[in-house]
Each structure stands twice: as C-alpha cells, then as structure tokens.
PDB file of N, CA and C in Angstrom:
ATOM      1  N   MET A   1     -99.404  57.248  43.233  1.00  0.00           N
ATOM      2  CA  MET A   1     -98.438  56.642  44.130  1.00  0.00           C
ATOM      3  C   MET A   1     -97.485  55.771  43.317  1.00  0.00           C
ATOM      4  N   SER A   2     -96.203  55.886  43.580  1.00  0.00           N
ATOM      5  CA  SER A   2     -95.205  55.081  42.890  1.00  0.00           C
ATOM      6  C   SER A   2     -95.158  53.685  43.482  1.00  0.00           C
ATOM      7  N   LYS A   3     -94.839  52.706  42.636  1.00  0.00           N
ATOM      8  CA  LYS A   3     -94.702  51.321  43.084  1.00  0.00           C
ATOM      9  C   LYS A   3     -93.280  50.865  42.826  1.00  0.00           C
ATOM     10  N   PHE A   4     -92.803  49.978  43.678  1.00  0.00           N
ATOM     11  CA  PHE A   4     -91.445  49.473  43.569  1.00  0.00           C
ATOM     12  C   PHE A   4     -91.435  47.965  43.732  1.00  0.00           C
ATOM     13  N   ARG A   5     -90.472  47.314  43.108  1.00  0.00           N
ATOM     14  CA  ARG A   5     -90.291  45.875  43.216  1.00  0.00           C
ATOM     15  C   ARG A   5     -88.931  45.629  43.857  1.00  0.00           C
ATOM     16  N   LYS A   6     -88.855  44.624  44.743  1.00  0.00           N
ATOM     17  CA  LYS A   6     -87.565  44.277  45.339  1.00  0.00           C
ATOM     18  C   LYS A   6     -86.614  43.793  44.266  1.00  0.00           C
ATOM     19  N   LYS A   7     -85.365  44.219  44.359  1.00  0.00           N
ATOM     20  CA  LYS A   7     -84.345  43.727  43.441  1.00  0.00           C
ATOM     21  C   LYS A   7     -84.082  42.259  43.759  1.00  0.00           C
ATOM     22  N   PRO A   8     -83.867  41.462  42.739  1.00  0.00           N
ATOM     23  CA  PRO A   8     -83.575  40.044  43.033  1.00  0.00           C
ATOM     24  C   PRO A   8     -82.178  39.890  43.627  1.00  0.00           C
ATOM     25  N   VAL A   9     -82.123  39.396  44.831  1.00  0.00           N
ATOM     26  CA  VAL A   9     -80.855  39.119  45.499  1.00  0.00           C
ATOM     27  C   VAL A   9     -80.923  37.707  46.076  1.00  0.00           C
ATOM     28  N   VAL A  10     -79.798  37.089  46.196  1.00  0.00           N
ATOM     29  CA  VAL A  10     -79.730  35.763  46.797  1.00  0.00           C
ATOM     30  C   VAL A  10     -79.267  35.932  48.235  1.00  0.00           C
ATOM     31  N   ILE A  11     -80.041  35.366  49.161  1.00  0.00           N
ATOM     32  CA  ILE A  11     -79.710  35.445  50.576  1.00  0.00           C
ATOM     33  C   ILE A  11     -79.487  34.032  51.101  1.00  0.00           C
ATOM     34  N   GLU A  12     -78.852  33.942  52.243  1.00  0.00           N
ATOM     35  CA  GLU A  12     -78.693  32.669  52.926  1.00  0.00           C
ATOM     36  C   GLU A  12     -79.685  32.668  54.079  1.00  0.00           C
ATOM     37  N   ALA A  13     -80.410  31.560  54.261  1.00  0.00           N
ATOM     38  CA  ALA A  13     -81.409  31.494  55.320  1.00  0.00           C
ATOM     39  C   ALA A  13     -81.530  30.066  55.836  1.00  0.00           C
ATOM     40  N   ARG A  14     -81.912  29.975  57.097  1.00  0.00           N
ATOM     41  CA  ARG A  14     -82.140  28.679  57.730  1.00  0.00           C
ATOM     42  C   ARG A  14     -83.386  28.796  58.592  1.00  0.00           C
ATOM     43  N   GLN A  15     -84.215  27.759  58.555  1.00  0.00           N
ATOM     44  CA  GLN A  15     -85.428  27.772  59.372  1.00  0.00           C
ATOM     45  C   GLN A  15     -85.164  27.075  60.697  1.00  0.00           C
ATOM     46  N   TRP A  16     -85.657  27.692  61.778  1.00  0.00           N
ATOM     47  CA  TRP A  16     -85.515  27.103  63.104  1.00  0.00           C
ATOM     48  C   TRP A  16     -86.584  26.043  63.268  1.00  0.00           C
ATOM     49  N   ILE A  17     -86.162  24.805  63.207  1.00  0.00           N
ATOM     50  CA  ILE A  17     -87.056  23.673  63.405  1.00  0.00           C
ATOM     51  C   ILE A  17     -86.518  22.835  64.556  1.00  0.00           C
ATOM     52  N   ASP A  18     -87.245  21.795  64.918  1.00  0.00           N
ATOM     53  CA  ASP A  18     -86.859  20.964  66.065  1.00  0.00           C
ATOM     54  C   ASP A  18     -85.407  20.520  65.989  1.00  0.00           C
ATOM     55  N   GLY A  19     -84.677  20.803  67.040  1.00  0.00           N
ATOM     56  CA  GLY A  19     -83.337  20.288  67.194  1.00  0.00           C
ATOM     57  C   GLY A  19     -82.211  21.091  66.579  1.00  0.00           C
ATOM     58  N   ASN A  20     -82.497  22.175  65.847  1.00  0.00           N
ATOM     59  CA  ASN A  20     -81.389  22.900  65.208  1.00  0.00           C
ATOM     60  C   ASN A  20     -81.174  24.310  65.761  1.00  0.00           C
ATOM     61  N   GLY A  21     -81.762  24.645  66.883  1.00  0.00           N
ATOM     62  CA  GLY A  21     -81.602  25.977  67.460  1.00  0.00           C
ATOM     63  C   GLY A  21     -80.155  26.303  67.784  1.00  0.00           C
ATOM     64  N   PHE A  22     -79.445  25.352  68.390  1.00  0.00           N
ATOM     65  CA  PHE A  22     -78.044  25.592  68.727  1.00  0.00           C
ATOM     66  C   PHE A  22     -77.214  25.777  67.462  1.00  0.00           C
ATOM     67  N   MET A  23     -77.494  24.992  66.419  1.00  0.00           N
ATOM     68  CA  MET A  23     -76.774  25.106  65.153  1.00  0.00           C
ATOM     69  C   MET A  23     -76.991  26.480  64.527  1.00  0.00           C
ATOM     70  N   ILE A  24     -78.206  27.005  64.589  1.00  0.00           N
ATOM     71  CA  ILE A  24     -78.491  28.323  64.021  1.00  0.00           C
ATOM     72  C   ILE A  24     -77.752  29.416  64.796  1.00  0.00           C
ATOM     73  N   VAL A  25     -77.769  29.331  66.115  1.00  0.00           N
ATOM     74  CA  VAL A  25     -77.057  30.317  66.926  1.00  0.00           C
ATOM     75  C   VAL A  25     -75.559  30.246  66.642  1.00  0.00           C
ATOM     76  N   SER A  26     -75.010  29.044  66.525  1.00  0.00           N
ATOM     77  CA  SER A  26     -73.588  28.879  66.197  1.00  0.00           C
ATOM     78  C   SER A  26     -73.268  29.478  64.834  1.00  0.00           C
ATOM     79  N   TRP A  27     -74.148  29.265  63.854  1.00  0.00           N
ATOM     80  CA  TRP A  27     -73.974  29.829  62.505  1.00  0.00           C
ATOM     81  C   TRP A  27     -73.920  31.355  62.572  1.00  0.00           C
ATOM     82  N   ILE A  28     -74.881  31.955  63.251  1.00  0.00           N
ATOM     83  CA  ILE A  28     -74.927  33.418  63.362  1.00  0.00           C
ATOM     84  C   ILE A  28     -73.649  33.946  64.020  1.00  0.00           C
ATOM     85  N   ASN A  29     -73.287  33.361  65.159  1.00  0.00           N
ATOM     86  CA  ASN A  29     -72.123  33.843  65.905  1.00  0.00           C
ATOM     87  C   ASN A  29     -70.816  33.624  65.139  1.00  0.00           C
ATOM     88  N   SER A  30     -70.710  32.533  64.386  1.00  0.00           N
ATOM     89  CA  SER A  30     -69.482  32.272  63.629  1.00  0.00           C
ATOM     90  C   SER A  30     -69.348  33.169  62.402  1.00  0.00           C
ATOM     91  N   GLU A  31     -70.454  33.768  61.969  1.00  0.00           N
ATOM     92  CA  GLU A  31     -70.450  34.648  60.794  1.00  0.00           C
ATOM     93  C   GLU A  31     -70.394  36.126  61.176  1.00  0.00           C
ATOM     94  N   GLY A  32     -70.091  36.410  62.435  1.00  0.00           N
ATOM     95  CA  GLY A  32     -69.953  37.798  62.859  1.00  0.00           C
ATOM     96  C   GLY A  32     -71.192  38.405  63.480  1.00  0.00           C
ATOM     97  N   GLY A  33     -72.277  37.640  63.569  1.00  0.00           N
ATOM     98  CA  GLY A  33     -73.488  38.128  64.214  1.00  0.00           C
ATOM     99  C   GLY A  33     -73.450  37.849  65.706  1.00  0.00           C
ATOM    100  N   GLU A  34     -74.543  38.161  66.372  1.00  0.00           N
ATOM    101  CA  GLU A  34     -74.638  37.929  67.809  1.00  0.00           C
ATOM    102  C   GLU A  34     -76.018  37.383  68.124  1.00  0.00           C
ATOM    103  N   ALA A  35     -76.054  36.141  68.643  1.00  0.00           N
ATOM    104  CA  ALA A  35     -77.329  35.498  68.942  1.00  0.00           C
ATOM    105  C   ALA A  35     -77.194  34.620  70.168  1.00  0.00           C
ATOM    106  N   GLU A  36     -78.335  34.335  70.793  1.00  0.00           N
ATOM    107  CA  GLU A  36     -78.367  33.478  71.975  1.00  0.00           C
ATOM    108  C   GLU A  36     -79.647  32.663  71.964  1.00  0.00           C
ATOM    109  N   LEU A  37     -79.527  31.378  72.292  1.00  0.00           N
ATOM    110  CA  LEU A  37     -80.675  30.478  72.378  1.00  0.00           C
ATOM    111  C   LEU A  37     -81.194  30.477  73.807  1.00  0.00           C
ATOM    112  N   HIS A  38     -82.476  30.725  73.964  1.00  0.00           N
ATOM    113  CA  HIS A  38     -83.128  30.733  75.279  1.00  0.00           C
ATOM    114  C   HIS A  38     -84.065  29.528  75.327  1.00  0.00           C
ATOM    115  N   ARG A  39     -83.507  28.349  75.551  1.00  0.00           N
ATOM    116  CA  ARG A  39     -84.315  27.139  75.478  1.00  0.00           C
ATOM    117  C   ARG A  39     -84.949  26.751  76.803  1.00  0.00           C
ATOM    118  N   LEU A  40     -84.521  27.352  77.899  1.00  0.00           N
ATOM    119  CA  LEU A  40     -85.113  27.026  79.188  1.00  0.00           C
ATOM    120  C   LEU A  40     -86.325  27.900  79.497  1.00  0.00           C
ATOM    121  N   GLU A  41     -86.590  28.873  78.647  1.00  0.00           N
ATOM    122  CA  GLU A  41     -87.744  29.743  78.839  1.00  0.00           C
ATOM    123  C   GLU A  41     -88.928  29.189  78.062  1.00  0.00           C
ATOM    124  N   ASP A  42     -90.131  29.557  78.451  1.00  0.00           N
ATOM    125  CA  ASP A  42     -91.330  29.063  77.784  1.00  0.00           C
ATOM    126  C   ASP A  42     -92.083  30.234  77.182  1.00  0.00           C
ATOM    127  N   PRO A  43     -92.183  30.326  75.866  1.00  0.00           N
ATOM    128  CA  PRO A  43     -91.597  29.384  74.902  1.00  0.00           C
ATOM    129  C   PRO A  43     -90.121  29.703  74.651  1.00  0.00           C
ATOM    130  N   SER A  44     -89.410  28.687  74.192  1.00  0.00           N
ATOM    131  CA  SER A  44     -88.014  28.910  73.856  1.00  0.00           C
ATOM    132  C   SER A  44     -87.937  29.867  72.674  1.00  0.00           C
ATOM    133  N   HIS A  45     -86.852  30.600  72.577  1.00  0.00           N
ATOM    134  CA  HIS A  45     -86.674  31.569  71.501  1.00  0.00           C
ATOM    135  C   HIS A  45     -85.199  31.878  71.321  1.00  0.00           C
ATOM    136  N   ILE A  46     -84.890  32.527  70.229  1.00  0.00           N
ATOM    137  CA  ILE A  46     -83.536  32.977  69.943  1.00  0.00           C
ATOM    138  C   ILE A  46     -83.563  34.498  69.911  1.00  0.00           C
ATOM    139  N   THR A  47     -82.588  35.123  70.554  1.00  0.00           N
ATOM    140  CA  THR A  47     -82.456  36.569  70.412  1.00  0.00           C
ATOM    141  C   THR A  47     -81.294  36.846  69.460  1.00  0.00           C
ATOM    142  N   ILE A  48     -81.511  37.791  68.563  1.00  0.00           N
ATOM    143  CA  ILE A  48     -80.523  38.156  67.557  1.00  0.00           C
ATOM    144  C   ILE A  48     -80.312  39.664  67.642  1.00  0.00           C
ATOM    145  N   VAL A  49     -79.066  40.074  67.747  1.00  0.00           N
ATOM    146  CA  VAL A  49     -78.756  41.503  67.729  1.00  0.00           C
ATOM    147  C   VAL A  49     -78.751  41.931  66.257  1.00  0.00           C
ATOM    148  N   THR A  50     -79.622  42.884  65.919  1.00  0.00           N
ATOM    149  CA  THR A  50     -79.748  43.371  64.549  1.00  0.00           C
ATOM    150  C   THR A  50     -79.337  44.832  64.482  1.00  0.00           C
ATOM    151  N   LEU A  51     -79.357  45.379  63.281  1.00  0.00           N
ATOM    152  CA  LEU A  51     -79.038  46.793  63.103  1.00  0.00           C
ATOM    153  C   LEU A  51     -80.060  47.692  63.792  1.00  0.00           C
ATOM    154  N   GLU A  52     -81.277  47.182  64.001  1.00  0.00           N
ATOM    155  CA  GLU A  52     -82.346  47.961  64.632  1.00  0.00           C
ATOM    156  C   GLU A  52     -82.522  47.646  66.111  1.00  0.00           C
ATOM    157  N   GLY A  53     -81.690  46.786  66.679  1.00  0.00           N
ATOM    158  CA  GLY A  53     -81.823  46.389  68.080  1.00  0.00           C
ATOM    159  C   GLY A  53     -81.966  44.876  68.189  1.00  0.00           C
ATOM    160  N   THR A  54     -82.281  44.404  69.383  1.00  0.00           N
ATOM    161  CA  THR A  54     -82.414  42.964  69.604  1.00  0.00           C
ATOM    162  C   THR A  54     -83.766  42.481  69.102  1.00  0.00           C
ATOM    163  N   MET A  55     -83.733  41.382  68.345  1.00  0.00           N
ATOM    164  CA  MET A  55     -84.936  40.818  67.730  1.00  0.00           C
ATOM    165  C   MET A  55     -85.145  39.409  68.272  1.00  0.00           C
ATOM    166  N   ARG A  56     -86.381  39.014  68.422  1.00  0.00           N
ATOM    167  CA  ARG A  56     -86.724  37.675  68.908  1.00  0.00           C
ATOM    168  C   ARG A  56     -87.168  36.811  67.741  1.00  0.00           C
ATOM    169  N   ALA A  57     -86.604  35.606  67.679  1.00  0.00           N
ATOM    170  CA  ALA A  57     -87.023  34.616  66.689  1.00  0.00           C
ATOM    171  C   ALA A  57     -87.701  33.473  67.428  1.00  0.00           C
ATOM    172  N   ASP A  58     -88.870  33.083  66.946  1.00  0.00           N
ATOM    173  CA  ASP A  58     -89.608  31.974  67.536  1.00  0.00           C
ATOM    174  C   ASP A  58     -89.445  30.730  66.674  1.00  0.00           C
ATOM    175  N   HIS A  59     -89.815  29.590  67.243  1.00  0.00           N
ATOM    176  CA  HIS A  59     -89.727  28.330  66.525  1.00  0.00           C
ATOM    177  C   HIS A  59     -90.477  28.440  65.194  1.00  0.00           C
ATOM    178  N   ASP A  60     -89.927  27.891  64.146  1.00  0.00           N
ATOM    179  CA  ASP A  60     -90.419  27.908  62.761  1.00  0.00           C
ATOM    180  C   ASP A  60     -90.072  29.182  61.995  1.00  0.00           C
ATOM    181  N   ASP A  61     -89.566  30.211  62.677  1.00  0.00           N
ATOM    182  CA  ASP A  61     -89.131  31.416  61.957  1.00  0.00           C
ATOM    183  C   ASP A  61     -87.910  31.090  61.105  1.00  0.00           C
ATOM    184  N   TRP A  62     -87.734  31.876  60.070  1.00  0.00           N
ATOM    185  CA  TRP A  62     -86.543  31.804  59.237  1.00  0.00           C
ATOM    186  C   TRP A  62     -85.542  32.828  59.736  1.00  0.00           C
ATOM    187  N   ILE A  63     -84.277  32.456  59.777  1.00  0.00           N
ATOM    188  CA  ILE A  63     -83.207  33.375  60.127  1.00  0.00           C
ATOM    189  C   ILE A  63     -82.477  33.689  58.827  1.00  0.00           C
ATOM    190  N   ILE A  64     -82.393  34.958  58.489  1.00  0.00           N
ATOM    191  CA  ILE A  64     -81.833  35.400  57.214  1.00  0.00           C
ATOM    192  C   ILE A  64     -80.514  36.117  57.440  1.00  0.00           C
ATOM    193  N   LYS A  65     -79.550  35.788  56.601  1.00  0.00           N
ATOM    194  CA  LYS A  65     -78.301  36.556  56.551  1.00  0.00           C
ATOM    195  C   LYS A  65     -78.433  37.462  55.345  1.00  0.00           C
ATOM    196  N   GLY A  66     -78.492  38.760  55.579  1.00  0.00           N
ATOM    197  CA  GLY A  66     -78.719  39.736  54.521  1.00  0.00           C
ATOM    198  C   GLY A  66     -77.490  39.977  53.662  1.00  0.00           C
ATOM    199  N   ILE A  67     -77.659  40.829  52.669  1.00  0.00           N
ATOM    200  CA  ILE A  67     -76.598  41.063  51.688  1.00  0.00           C
ATOM    201  C   ILE A  67     -75.399  41.793  52.260  1.00  0.00           C
ATOM    202  N   LYS A  68     -75.545  42.405  53.435  1.00  0.00           N
ATOM    203  CA  LYS A  68     -74.410  43.071  54.081  1.00  0.00           C
ATOM    204  C   LYS A  68     -73.904  42.284  55.286  1.00  0.00           C
ATOM    205  N   GLY A  69     -74.317  41.001  55.395  1.00  0.00           N
ATOM    206  CA  GLY A  69     -73.874  40.152  56.491  1.00  0.00           C
ATOM    207  C   GLY A  69     -74.691  40.284  57.755  1.00  0.00           C
ATOM    208  N   GLU A  70     -75.753  41.064  57.718  1.00  0.00           N
ATOM    209  CA  GLU A  70     -76.604  41.254  58.891  1.00  0.00           C
ATOM    210  C   GLU A  70     -77.561  40.065  59.031  1.00  0.00           C
ATOM    211  N   PHE A  71     -78.001  39.794  60.255  1.00  0.00           N
ATOM    212  CA  PHE A  71     -78.928  38.702  60.528  1.00  0.00           C
ATOM    213  C   PHE A  71     -80.231  39.256  61.070  1.00  0.00           C
ATOM    214  N   TYR A  72     -81.332  38.613  60.704  1.00  0.00           N
ATOM    215  CA  TYR A  72     -82.631  38.981  61.249  1.00  0.00           C
ATOM    216  C   TYR A  72     -83.607  37.833  61.053  1.00  0.00           C
ATOM    217  N   ALA A  73     -84.698  37.847  61.804  1.00  0.00           N
ATOM    218  CA  ALA A  73     -85.708  36.798  61.743  1.00  0.00           C
ATOM    219  C   ALA A  73     -86.841  37.211  60.823  1.00  0.00           C
ATOM    220  N   CYS A  74     -87.494  36.209  60.244  1.00  0.00           N
ATOM    221  CA  CYS A  74     -88.622  36.446  59.346  1.00  0.00           C
ATOM    222  C   CYS A  74     -89.667  35.365  59.607  1.00  0.00           C
ATOM    223  N   LYS A  75     -90.915  35.763  59.779  1.00  0.00           N
ATOM    224  CA  LYS A  75     -92.005  34.811  59.991  1.00  0.00           C
ATOM    225  C   LYS A  75     -92.189  33.944  58.750  1.00  0.00           C
ATOM    226  N   PRO A  76     -92.591  32.672  58.936  1.00  0.00           N
ATOM    227  CA  PRO A  76     -92.694  31.744  57.802  1.00  0.00           C
ATOM    228  C   PRO A  76     -93.598  32.219  56.667  1.00  0.00           C
ATOM    229  N   ASP A  77     -94.728  32.851  56.978  1.00  0.00           N
ATOM    230  CA  ASP A  77     -95.636  33.289  55.913  1.00  0.00           C
ATOM    231  C   ASP A  77     -95.038  34.426  55.089  1.00  0.00           C
ATOM    232  N   ILE A  78     -94.329  35.339  55.737  1.00  0.00           N
ATOM    233  CA  ILE A  78     -93.665  36.434  55.021  1.00  0.00           C
ATOM    234  C   ILE A  78     -92.513  35.888  54.184  1.00  0.00           C
ATOM    235  N   PHE A  79     -91.769  34.944  54.746  1.00  0.00           N
ATOM    236  CA  PHE A  79     -90.655  34.343  54.007  1.00  0.00           C
ATOM    237  C   PHE A  79     -91.175  33.661  52.742  1.00  0.00           C
ATOM    238  N   ALA A  80     -92.255  32.891  52.876  1.00  0.00           N
ATOM    239  CA  ALA A  80     -92.821  32.181  51.719  1.00  0.00           C
ATOM    240  C   ALA A  80     -93.331  33.141  50.646  1.00  0.00           C
ATOM    241  N   ALA A  81     -93.860  34.285  51.054  1.00  0.00           N
ATOM    242  CA  ALA A  81     -94.369  35.267  50.097  1.00  0.00           C
ATOM    243  C   ALA A  81     -93.255  36.075  49.440  1.00  0.00           C
ATOM    244  N   THR A  82     -92.077  36.115  50.056  1.00  0.00           N
ATOM    245  CA  THR A  82     -91.000  36.980  49.600  1.00  0.00           C
ATOM    246  C   THR A  82     -89.878  36.240  48.883  1.00  0.00           C
ATOM    247  N   TYR A  83     -89.603  35.000  49.292  1.00  0.00           N
ATOM    248  CA  TYR A  83     -88.439  34.275  48.786  1.00  0.00           C
ATOM    249  C   TYR A  83     -88.837  32.965  48.122  1.00  0.00           C
ATOM    250  N   GLU A  84     -88.019  32.525  47.197  1.00  0.00           N
ATOM    251  CA  GLU A  84     -88.157  31.198  46.612  1.00  0.00           C
ATOM    252  C   GLU A  84     -86.768  30.588  46.551  1.00  0.00           C
ATOM    253  N   ALA A  85     -86.714  29.263  46.511  1.00  0.00           N
ATOM    254  CA  ALA A  85     -85.423  28.579  46.511  1.00  0.00           C
ATOM    255  C   ALA A  85     -84.640  28.931  45.242  1.00  0.00           C
ATOM    256  N   GLU A  86     -83.360  29.145  45.424  1.00  0.00           N
ATOM    257  CA  GLU A  86     -82.465  29.427  44.302  1.00  0.00           C
ATOM    258  C   GLU A  86     -82.138  28.111  43.619  1.00  0.00           C
ATOM    259  N   GLN A  87     -82.277  28.076  42.307  1.00  0.00           N
ATOM    260  CA  GLN A  87     -81.948  26.868  41.573  1.00  0.00           C
ATOM    261  C   GLN A  87     -80.448  26.838  41.329  1.00  0.00           C
ATOM    262  N   GLU A  88     -79.841  25.741  41.740  1.00  0.00           N
ATOM    263  CA  GLU A  88     -78.399  25.606  41.546  1.00  0.00           C
ATOM    264  C   GLU A  88     -78.123  25.202  40.114  1.00  0.00           C
ATOM    265  N   THR A  89     -77.074  25.756  39.557  1.00  0.00           N
ATOM    266  CA  THR A  89     -76.662  25.379  38.210  1.00  0.00           C
ATOM    267  C   THR A  89     -75.374  24.596  38.301  1.00  0.00           C
ATOM    268  N   THR A  90     -75.216  23.666  37.396  1.00  0.00           N
ATOM    269  CA  THR A  90     -74.002  22.867  37.363  1.00  0.00           C
ATOM    270  C   THR A  90     -73.315  23.060  36.029  1.00  0.00           C
ATOM    271  N   ASN A  91     -72.028  23.074  36.061  1.00  0.00           N
ATOM    272  CA  ASN A  91     -71.252  23.170  34.815  1.00  0.00           C
ATOM    273  C   ASN A  91     -70.798  21.774  34.432  1.00  0.00           C
ATOM    274  N   GLY A  92     -70.948  21.425  33.203  1.00  0.00           N
ATOM    275  CA  GLY A  92     -70.461  20.130  32.809  1.00  0.00           C
ATOM    276  C   GLY A  92     -71.225  19.619  31.719  1.00  0.00           C
TER     277      GLY A  92
END
C-alpha cells in the first residue's frame, strides 16, 4: 500500500469560542463564503455552505479557510493533530 504525506500549506483558521460566533460568520460571509449562526437553537451551531454541501460547526470547532478560499469546520482534536501554528518571520 502506498503512503502519502500532506503537502505543507498555510491556512487561515479561527476557533469558535465563547462570544465570537457572530465574528466568525461575518468573516466567512465577507470572504465570499456562506454561513449562518444559529444561536437560539440548543445547542447553538454555525452552518457553513461547503463544496460538499451544508456543514455544521459546533462550539470549539475550528473554521478553516482552505487554499482555494473554501470554508469548512474541523473538530479540535483533528485540527491539533493536523495543524501547527505558523511562525511569523520579521525582516530587520
């Protein structure tokens, strides 16, 4: 069986934590995506229109903007196993 490694790419992501659900939905919608915050439902959640259909993001999930501008949700444990923070470099 052949094995493959993900190519290193830098993505933009934000975690849905207390108080920032509206900000995340605004970010997605302002970047060409389509999302809606359902905060009056129990439990509250965000719906995101993805290339594969509508996806549900729950509290603590990470919302990822992919390399082609697409948005999707990722569970915290998968995000931690897949991504690490990009180290910023400074010139000077």
